[in-house]
N, C-alpha and C. Protein backbone atom coordinates (compact mmCIF):
# COMPACT_ATOMS: atom_id res chain seq x y z
N MET A 1 -17.46 -73.78 -25.09
CA MET A 1 -16.40 -74.60 -25.64
C MET A 1 -15.08 -73.85 -25.62
N ALA A 2 -15.09 -72.58 -25.98
CA ALA A 2 -13.86 -71.80 -25.99
C ALA A 2 -13.27 -71.72 -24.59
N TYR A 3 -14.14 -71.61 -23.57
CA TYR A 3 -13.67 -71.56 -22.20
C TYR A 3 -12.96 -72.86 -21.83
N ASP A 4 -13.54 -74.00 -22.24
CA ASP A 4 -12.94 -75.30 -21.94
C ASP A 4 -11.56 -75.43 -22.58
N VAL A 5 -11.42 -74.97 -23.80
CA VAL A 5 -10.13 -75.04 -24.47
C VAL A 5 -9.12 -74.13 -23.76
N GLN A 6 -9.56 -72.95 -23.38
CA GLN A 6 -8.67 -72.02 -22.67
C GLN A 6 -8.25 -72.61 -21.33
N ARG A 7 -9.18 -73.18 -20.63
CA ARG A 7 -8.89 -73.78 -19.31
C ARG A 7 -7.92 -74.96 -19.47
N PHE A 8 -8.14 -75.80 -20.48
CA PHE A 8 -7.25 -76.92 -20.75
C PHE A 8 -5.84 -76.42 -21.06
N ASN A 9 -5.73 -75.39 -21.86
CA ASN A 9 -4.42 -74.84 -22.20
C ASN A 9 -3.71 -74.30 -20.96
N GLU A 10 -4.45 -73.64 -20.09
CA GLU A 10 -3.87 -73.10 -18.86
C GLU A 10 -3.36 -74.23 -17.96
N LEU A 11 -4.17 -75.27 -17.79
CA LEU A 11 -3.75 -76.40 -16.94
C LEU A 11 -2.55 -77.12 -17.54
N THR A 12 -2.54 -77.27 -18.85
CA THR A 12 -1.40 -77.92 -19.51
C THR A 12 -0.13 -77.11 -19.30
N LYS A 13 -0.24 -75.79 -19.42
CA LYS A 13 0.92 -74.92 -19.20
C LYS A 13 1.44 -75.07 -17.77
N GLN A 14 0.53 -75.10 -16.81
CA GLN A 14 0.94 -75.22 -15.42
C GLN A 14 1.57 -76.58 -15.13
N MET A 15 1.01 -77.65 -15.69
CA MET A 15 1.58 -78.99 -15.47
C MET A 15 2.97 -79.08 -16.08
N SER A 16 3.13 -78.53 -17.26
CA SER A 16 4.43 -78.55 -17.93
C SER A 16 5.46 -77.76 -17.12
N ALA A 17 5.06 -76.60 -16.63
CA ALA A 17 5.97 -75.79 -15.82
C ALA A 17 6.36 -76.51 -14.54
N TYR A 18 5.39 -77.15 -13.91
CA TYR A 18 5.69 -77.89 -12.67
C TYR A 18 6.68 -79.01 -12.93
N ALA A 19 6.47 -79.76 -14.00
CA ALA A 19 7.39 -80.85 -14.34
C ALA A 19 8.78 -80.29 -14.65
N HIS A 20 8.82 -79.14 -15.30
CA HIS A 20 10.08 -78.51 -15.67
C HIS A 20 10.87 -78.11 -14.43
N TYR A 21 10.21 -77.46 -13.47
CA TYR A 21 10.92 -76.95 -12.30
C TYR A 21 11.18 -77.99 -11.22
N THR A 22 10.52 -79.12 -11.26
CA THR A 22 10.78 -80.15 -10.25
C THR A 22 11.76 -81.21 -10.76
N ARG A 23 12.20 -81.07 -12.00
CA ARG A 23 13.19 -82.01 -12.56
C ARG A 23 14.50 -81.87 -11.79
N ASP A 24 15.17 -82.99 -11.55
CA ASP A 24 16.43 -82.97 -10.80
C ASP A 24 17.46 -82.10 -11.50
N GLY A 25 18.07 -81.23 -10.74
CA GLY A 25 19.17 -80.42 -11.25
C GLY A 25 18.78 -79.28 -12.16
N HIS A 26 17.47 -79.02 -12.32
CA HIS A 26 17.06 -77.97 -13.26
C HIS A 26 17.61 -76.60 -12.86
N LEU A 27 17.46 -76.23 -11.61
CA LEU A 27 17.88 -74.89 -11.20
C LEU A 27 19.39 -74.72 -11.26
N GLN A 28 20.14 -75.80 -11.01
CA GLN A 28 21.60 -75.72 -11.15
C GLN A 28 21.97 -75.47 -12.60
N LEU A 29 21.29 -76.14 -13.53
CA LEU A 29 21.56 -75.92 -14.95
C LEU A 29 21.18 -74.51 -15.37
N ALA A 30 20.07 -74.00 -14.86
CA ALA A 30 19.64 -72.64 -15.18
C ALA A 30 20.66 -71.63 -14.65
N ALA A 31 21.18 -71.87 -13.46
CA ALA A 31 22.19 -70.97 -12.89
C ALA A 31 23.47 -71.01 -13.73
N ALA A 32 23.85 -72.19 -14.21
CA ALA A 32 25.04 -72.31 -15.06
C ALA A 32 24.84 -71.53 -16.36
N ARG A 33 23.64 -71.60 -16.94
CA ARG A 33 23.36 -70.83 -18.16
C ARG A 33 23.44 -69.33 -17.88
N ALA A 34 22.93 -68.90 -16.74
CA ALA A 34 22.98 -67.48 -16.37
C ALA A 34 24.43 -67.03 -16.22
N ARG A 35 25.27 -67.88 -15.61
CA ARG A 35 26.69 -67.53 -15.47
C ARG A 35 27.37 -67.44 -16.83
N ARG A 36 27.02 -68.34 -17.76
CA ARG A 36 27.61 -68.28 -19.11
C ARG A 36 27.18 -67.01 -19.84
N ARG A 37 25.91 -66.61 -19.69
CA ARG A 37 25.45 -65.37 -20.32
C ARG A 37 26.22 -64.17 -19.76
N GLU A 38 26.43 -64.16 -18.46
CA GLU A 38 27.18 -63.07 -17.83
C GLU A 38 28.63 -63.05 -18.32
N ARG A 39 29.24 -64.20 -18.42
CA ARG A 39 30.62 -64.29 -18.92
C ARG A 39 30.70 -63.81 -20.37
N THR A 40 29.70 -64.13 -21.19
CA THR A 40 29.67 -63.66 -22.57
C THR A 40 29.60 -62.14 -22.62
N ARG A 41 28.77 -61.54 -21.77
CA ARG A 41 28.69 -60.08 -21.72
C ARG A 41 30.03 -59.47 -21.32
N GLN A 42 30.68 -60.09 -20.33
CA GLN A 42 31.98 -59.58 -19.89
C GLN A 42 33.02 -59.67 -21.00
N LEU A 43 33.05 -60.79 -21.71
CA LEU A 43 33.99 -60.94 -22.82
C LEU A 43 33.72 -59.92 -23.92
N ALA A 44 32.45 -59.69 -24.24
CA ALA A 44 32.11 -58.70 -25.27
C ALA A 44 32.56 -57.30 -24.84
N ASP A 45 32.36 -56.96 -23.56
CA ASP A 45 32.83 -55.66 -23.06
C ASP A 45 34.34 -55.55 -23.14
N GLN A 46 35.03 -56.62 -22.79
CA GLN A 46 36.49 -56.63 -22.84
C GLN A 46 36.98 -56.43 -24.27
N ILE A 47 36.39 -57.15 -25.21
CA ILE A 47 36.79 -57.03 -26.62
C ILE A 47 36.47 -55.63 -27.12
N ASN A 48 35.31 -55.11 -26.77
CA ASN A 48 34.93 -53.77 -27.23
C ASN A 48 35.85 -52.69 -26.68
N SER A 49 36.35 -52.87 -25.46
CA SER A 49 37.24 -51.86 -24.90
C SER A 49 38.63 -51.92 -25.53
N GLN A 50 39.03 -53.06 -26.07
CA GLN A 50 40.36 -53.21 -26.65
C GLN A 50 40.38 -52.95 -28.15
N LEU A 51 39.28 -53.15 -28.83
CA LEU A 51 39.23 -53.02 -30.28
C LEU A 51 38.26 -51.92 -30.68
N ARG A 52 38.34 -51.56 -31.91
CA ARG A 52 37.40 -50.57 -32.42
C ARG A 52 36.11 -51.23 -32.90
N LEU A 53 36.07 -52.53 -32.84
CA LEU A 53 34.87 -53.26 -33.24
C LEU A 53 33.81 -53.13 -32.16
N ARG A 54 32.60 -53.34 -32.54
CA ARG A 54 31.51 -53.29 -31.56
C ARG A 54 30.72 -54.59 -31.63
N PHE A 55 30.96 -55.49 -30.67
CA PHE A 55 30.20 -56.73 -30.61
C PHE A 55 28.96 -56.48 -29.79
N ARG A 56 27.84 -56.80 -30.35
CA ARG A 56 26.57 -56.57 -29.65
C ARG A 56 26.17 -57.82 -28.90
N THR A 57 25.71 -57.60 -27.70
CA THR A 57 25.24 -58.72 -26.89
C THR A 57 23.72 -58.80 -26.88
N GLY A 58 23.05 -57.84 -27.47
CA GLY A 58 21.60 -57.89 -27.54
C GLY A 58 20.89 -57.27 -26.36
N ASP A 59 21.64 -56.82 -25.38
CA ASP A 59 20.99 -56.23 -24.21
C ASP A 59 21.61 -54.86 -23.92
N ASP A 60 21.37 -53.92 -24.81
CA ASP A 60 21.83 -52.55 -24.60
C ASP A 60 21.13 -51.97 -23.38
N ASP A 61 21.47 -50.78 -23.03
CA ASP A 61 20.97 -50.14 -21.82
C ASP A 61 19.43 -50.09 -21.79
N PRO A 62 18.80 -50.81 -20.86
CA PRO A 62 17.33 -50.81 -20.79
C PRO A 62 16.78 -49.42 -20.46
N ALA A 63 17.50 -48.62 -19.69
CA ALA A 63 17.01 -47.28 -19.35
C ALA A 63 16.90 -46.42 -20.60
N ALA A 64 17.88 -46.53 -21.50
CA ALA A 64 17.82 -45.76 -22.74
C ALA A 64 16.65 -46.23 -23.60
N ARG A 65 16.43 -47.54 -23.63
CA ARG A 65 15.28 -48.06 -24.40
C ARG A 65 13.96 -47.55 -23.84
N LEU A 66 13.85 -47.52 -22.50
CA LEU A 66 12.62 -47.03 -21.88
C LEU A 66 12.40 -45.55 -22.18
N ARG A 67 13.48 -44.78 -22.22
CA ARG A 67 13.38 -43.35 -22.52
C ARG A 67 12.87 -43.15 -23.97
N VAL A 68 13.45 -43.90 -24.90
CA VAL A 68 13.01 -43.81 -26.30
C VAL A 68 11.56 -44.27 -26.43
N ALA A 69 11.20 -45.34 -25.74
CA ALA A 69 9.83 -45.84 -25.78
C ALA A 69 8.86 -44.78 -25.26
N SER A 70 9.24 -44.09 -24.19
CA SER A 70 8.39 -43.04 -23.64
C SER A 70 8.19 -41.91 -24.65
N GLU A 71 9.27 -41.54 -25.34
CA GLU A 71 9.15 -40.48 -26.34
C GLU A 71 8.24 -40.91 -27.49
N LEU A 72 8.36 -42.17 -27.90
CA LEU A 72 7.52 -42.66 -28.98
C LEU A 72 6.05 -42.75 -28.56
N LEU A 73 5.82 -43.14 -27.32
CA LEU A 73 4.43 -43.24 -26.84
C LEU A 73 3.75 -41.88 -26.78
N ASP A 74 4.54 -40.82 -26.58
CA ASP A 74 3.99 -39.47 -26.52
C ASP A 74 3.67 -38.90 -27.91
N SER A 75 4.11 -39.58 -28.94
CA SER A 75 3.89 -39.11 -30.31
C SER A 75 2.41 -39.22 -30.69
N PRO A 76 1.93 -38.30 -31.54
CA PRO A 76 0.53 -38.40 -31.98
C PRO A 76 0.32 -39.45 -33.07
N HIS A 77 1.39 -39.98 -33.63
CA HIS A 77 1.27 -40.94 -34.73
C HIS A 77 1.08 -42.36 -34.22
N PRO A 78 0.08 -43.08 -34.71
CA PRO A 78 -0.18 -44.45 -34.25
C PRO A 78 1.01 -45.40 -34.49
N ALA A 79 1.73 -45.21 -35.59
CA ALA A 79 2.88 -46.09 -35.86
C ALA A 79 3.97 -45.89 -34.81
N HIS A 80 4.19 -44.63 -34.41
CA HIS A 80 5.19 -44.35 -33.38
C HIS A 80 4.76 -44.96 -32.04
N GLN A 81 3.47 -44.84 -31.75
CA GLN A 81 2.96 -45.39 -30.49
C GLN A 81 3.11 -46.91 -30.46
N ALA A 82 2.84 -47.56 -31.59
CA ALA A 82 2.99 -49.02 -31.66
C ALA A 82 4.45 -49.42 -31.46
N ALA A 83 5.36 -48.67 -32.08
CA ALA A 83 6.79 -48.95 -31.90
C ALA A 83 7.20 -48.71 -30.45
N GLY A 84 6.65 -47.68 -29.83
CA GLY A 84 6.95 -47.40 -28.43
C GLY A 84 6.47 -48.50 -27.50
N ARG A 85 5.27 -49.03 -27.78
CA ARG A 85 4.77 -50.15 -26.96
C ARG A 85 5.68 -51.36 -27.09
N GLN A 86 6.13 -51.64 -28.31
CA GLN A 86 7.02 -52.79 -28.53
C GLN A 86 8.36 -52.58 -27.83
N LEU A 87 8.94 -51.39 -27.95
CA LEU A 87 10.21 -51.11 -27.28
C LEU A 87 10.07 -51.21 -25.75
N TYR A 88 8.95 -50.69 -25.25
CA TYR A 88 8.71 -50.75 -23.81
C TYR A 88 8.62 -52.20 -23.34
N ALA A 89 7.86 -53.02 -24.07
CA ALA A 89 7.71 -54.43 -23.70
C ALA A 89 9.06 -55.15 -23.75
N ASP A 90 9.85 -54.86 -24.78
CA ASP A 90 11.17 -55.50 -24.90
C ASP A 90 12.10 -55.08 -23.76
N ALA A 91 12.08 -53.79 -23.41
CA ALA A 91 12.93 -53.30 -22.33
C ALA A 91 12.53 -53.92 -20.99
N LYS A 92 11.24 -54.01 -20.74
CA LYS A 92 10.77 -54.62 -19.49
C LYS A 92 11.13 -56.09 -19.43
N ARG A 93 11.02 -56.78 -20.56
CA ARG A 93 11.38 -58.19 -20.61
C ARG A 93 12.86 -58.37 -20.32
N THR A 94 13.69 -57.54 -20.91
CA THR A 94 15.13 -57.59 -20.67
C THR A 94 15.43 -57.36 -19.19
N GLU A 95 14.72 -56.42 -18.60
CA GLU A 95 14.90 -56.12 -17.18
C GLU A 95 14.53 -57.32 -16.31
N ARG A 96 13.39 -57.96 -16.63
CA ARG A 96 12.96 -59.15 -15.88
C ARG A 96 13.96 -60.29 -16.02
N LEU A 97 14.48 -60.50 -17.24
CA LEU A 97 15.44 -61.57 -17.46
C LEU A 97 16.74 -61.30 -16.70
N ALA A 98 17.15 -60.05 -16.62
CA ALA A 98 18.36 -59.71 -15.85
C ALA A 98 18.14 -60.01 -14.37
N GLN A 99 16.94 -59.68 -13.87
CA GLN A 99 16.63 -59.99 -12.47
C GLN A 99 16.63 -61.49 -12.24
N ARG A 100 16.04 -62.23 -13.18
CA ARG A 100 16.00 -63.69 -13.06
C ARG A 100 17.41 -64.26 -13.03
N ASP A 101 18.27 -63.81 -13.94
CA ASP A 101 19.64 -64.31 -13.99
C ASP A 101 20.40 -63.99 -12.70
N GLN A 102 20.19 -62.79 -12.17
CA GLN A 102 20.85 -62.39 -10.93
C GLN A 102 20.43 -63.32 -9.78
N ARG A 103 19.14 -63.61 -9.71
CA ARG A 103 18.65 -64.49 -8.65
C ARG A 103 19.18 -65.91 -8.83
N LEU A 104 19.22 -66.39 -10.07
CA LEU A 104 19.71 -67.74 -10.31
C LEU A 104 21.19 -67.87 -9.94
N ARG A 105 21.99 -66.86 -10.30
CA ARG A 105 23.41 -66.91 -9.95
C ARG A 105 23.62 -66.87 -8.44
N ALA A 106 22.68 -66.25 -7.72
CA ALA A 106 22.78 -66.17 -6.26
C ALA A 106 22.26 -67.43 -5.57
N GLY A 107 21.76 -68.41 -6.36
CA GLY A 107 21.26 -69.65 -5.77
C GLY A 107 19.84 -69.57 -5.27
N GLN A 108 19.05 -68.62 -5.79
CA GLN A 108 17.67 -68.46 -5.38
C GLN A 108 16.74 -68.86 -6.52
N HIS A 109 15.48 -69.06 -6.20
CA HIS A 109 14.50 -69.36 -7.24
C HIS A 109 14.28 -68.09 -8.06
N PRO A 110 13.79 -68.21 -9.31
CA PRO A 110 13.66 -67.03 -10.16
C PRO A 110 12.63 -66.02 -9.71
N GLY A 111 11.74 -66.39 -8.82
CA GLY A 111 10.77 -65.44 -8.28
C GLY A 111 9.77 -64.97 -9.31
N LYS A 112 9.26 -63.77 -9.12
CA LYS A 112 8.22 -63.24 -10.00
C LYS A 112 8.75 -62.86 -11.37
N ALA A 113 10.06 -62.94 -11.57
CA ALA A 113 10.65 -62.59 -12.86
C ALA A 113 10.40 -63.67 -13.91
N ASP A 114 9.95 -64.85 -13.48
CA ASP A 114 9.77 -65.96 -14.40
C ASP A 114 8.32 -66.45 -14.33
N GLY A 115 7.57 -66.20 -15.39
CA GLY A 115 6.16 -66.59 -15.43
C GLY A 115 5.97 -68.09 -15.37
N ARG A 116 6.91 -68.83 -15.92
CA ARG A 116 6.81 -70.28 -15.91
C ARG A 116 6.94 -70.81 -14.48
N TYR A 117 7.80 -70.18 -13.69
CA TYR A 117 7.95 -70.57 -12.29
C TYR A 117 6.66 -70.27 -11.53
N ARG A 118 6.05 -69.12 -11.80
CA ARG A 118 4.78 -68.79 -11.14
C ARG A 118 3.70 -69.80 -11.50
N ALA A 119 3.67 -70.25 -12.76
CA ALA A 119 2.68 -71.26 -13.18
C ALA A 119 2.92 -72.58 -12.45
N ALA A 120 4.19 -72.93 -12.25
CA ALA A 120 4.51 -74.17 -11.54
C ALA A 120 4.04 -74.09 -10.08
N CYS A 121 4.24 -72.95 -9.45
CA CYS A 121 3.79 -72.78 -8.06
C CYS A 121 2.27 -72.81 -7.96
N THR A 122 1.59 -72.22 -8.93
CA THR A 122 0.12 -72.26 -8.95
C THR A 122 -0.38 -73.69 -9.06
N HIS A 123 0.24 -74.46 -9.94
CA HIS A 123 -0.15 -75.86 -10.11
C HIS A 123 0.08 -76.65 -8.81
N ALA A 124 1.21 -76.40 -8.16
CA ALA A 124 1.51 -77.11 -6.90
C ALA A 124 0.48 -76.77 -5.82
N GLN A 125 0.10 -75.50 -5.74
CA GLN A 125 -0.89 -75.10 -4.74
C GLN A 125 -2.26 -75.71 -5.04
N ARG A 126 -2.64 -75.67 -6.31
CA ARG A 126 -3.96 -76.16 -6.69
C ARG A 126 -4.11 -77.65 -6.37
N TRP A 127 -3.09 -78.43 -6.65
CA TRP A 127 -3.17 -79.88 -6.47
C TRP A 127 -2.49 -80.37 -5.20
N ARG A 128 -2.12 -79.43 -4.32
CA ARG A 128 -1.48 -79.75 -3.03
C ARG A 128 -0.24 -80.63 -3.22
N LEU A 129 0.60 -80.23 -4.17
CA LEU A 129 1.86 -80.93 -4.45
C LEU A 129 3.00 -80.16 -3.77
N PRO A 130 4.14 -80.81 -3.61
CA PRO A 130 5.29 -80.07 -3.06
C PRO A 130 5.66 -78.94 -4.02
N THR A 131 5.96 -77.79 -3.44
CA THR A 131 6.30 -76.65 -4.30
C THR A 131 7.70 -76.84 -4.89
N PRO A 132 7.95 -76.24 -6.04
CA PRO A 132 9.29 -76.31 -6.62
C PRO A 132 10.31 -75.73 -5.65
N PRO A 133 11.55 -76.18 -5.73
CA PRO A 133 12.55 -75.72 -4.76
C PRO A 133 12.76 -74.21 -4.82
N ARG A 134 13.01 -73.62 -3.65
CA ARG A 134 13.23 -72.18 -3.58
C ARG A 134 14.71 -71.84 -3.46
N ARG A 135 15.51 -72.77 -3.01
CA ARG A 135 16.96 -72.53 -2.89
C ARG A 135 17.66 -73.84 -3.26
N TRP A 136 18.90 -73.71 -3.63
CA TRP A 136 19.74 -74.86 -3.92
C TRP A 136 21.18 -74.42 -3.76
N THR A 137 22.05 -75.36 -3.79
CA THR A 137 23.47 -75.00 -3.68
C THR A 137 23.96 -74.65 -5.07
N ALA A 138 24.40 -73.43 -5.24
CA ALA A 138 24.85 -72.97 -6.55
C ALA A 138 26.30 -73.41 -6.76
N GLY A 139 26.49 -74.32 -7.67
CA GLY A 139 27.83 -74.79 -8.01
C GLY A 139 28.28 -74.17 -9.31
N SER A 140 29.48 -74.50 -9.72
CA SER A 140 30.01 -73.94 -10.96
C SER A 140 29.45 -74.63 -12.16
């Protein structure tokens, strides 16, 4: 029974992802959101360079986070190791999202950086449906 529930959940996730990525104009809207996020980062950097205030954008240097996570993982204390695992996962997620945004702004599909896109492609292959679009014209 547990297997059936798990299988149902997986198929539902894939169907939902497929519907999401085949919706008209979805990738153009995603690219517009990625451009807005990039513009927000640029504005925060501009404000920070002109003022003594520090506006946080939530995506500090991923390399520094990975370095701290590595140090915590090397600690003998279980609490430090748990914090290191969490920091590592957060840094990797931030890195994947940056790759996804870069691809979207370039007019490409999100690729392996987006698990939902991978689920949509799996669903299309399984049921022999047209695959979600891989390119589109990136407008403003």
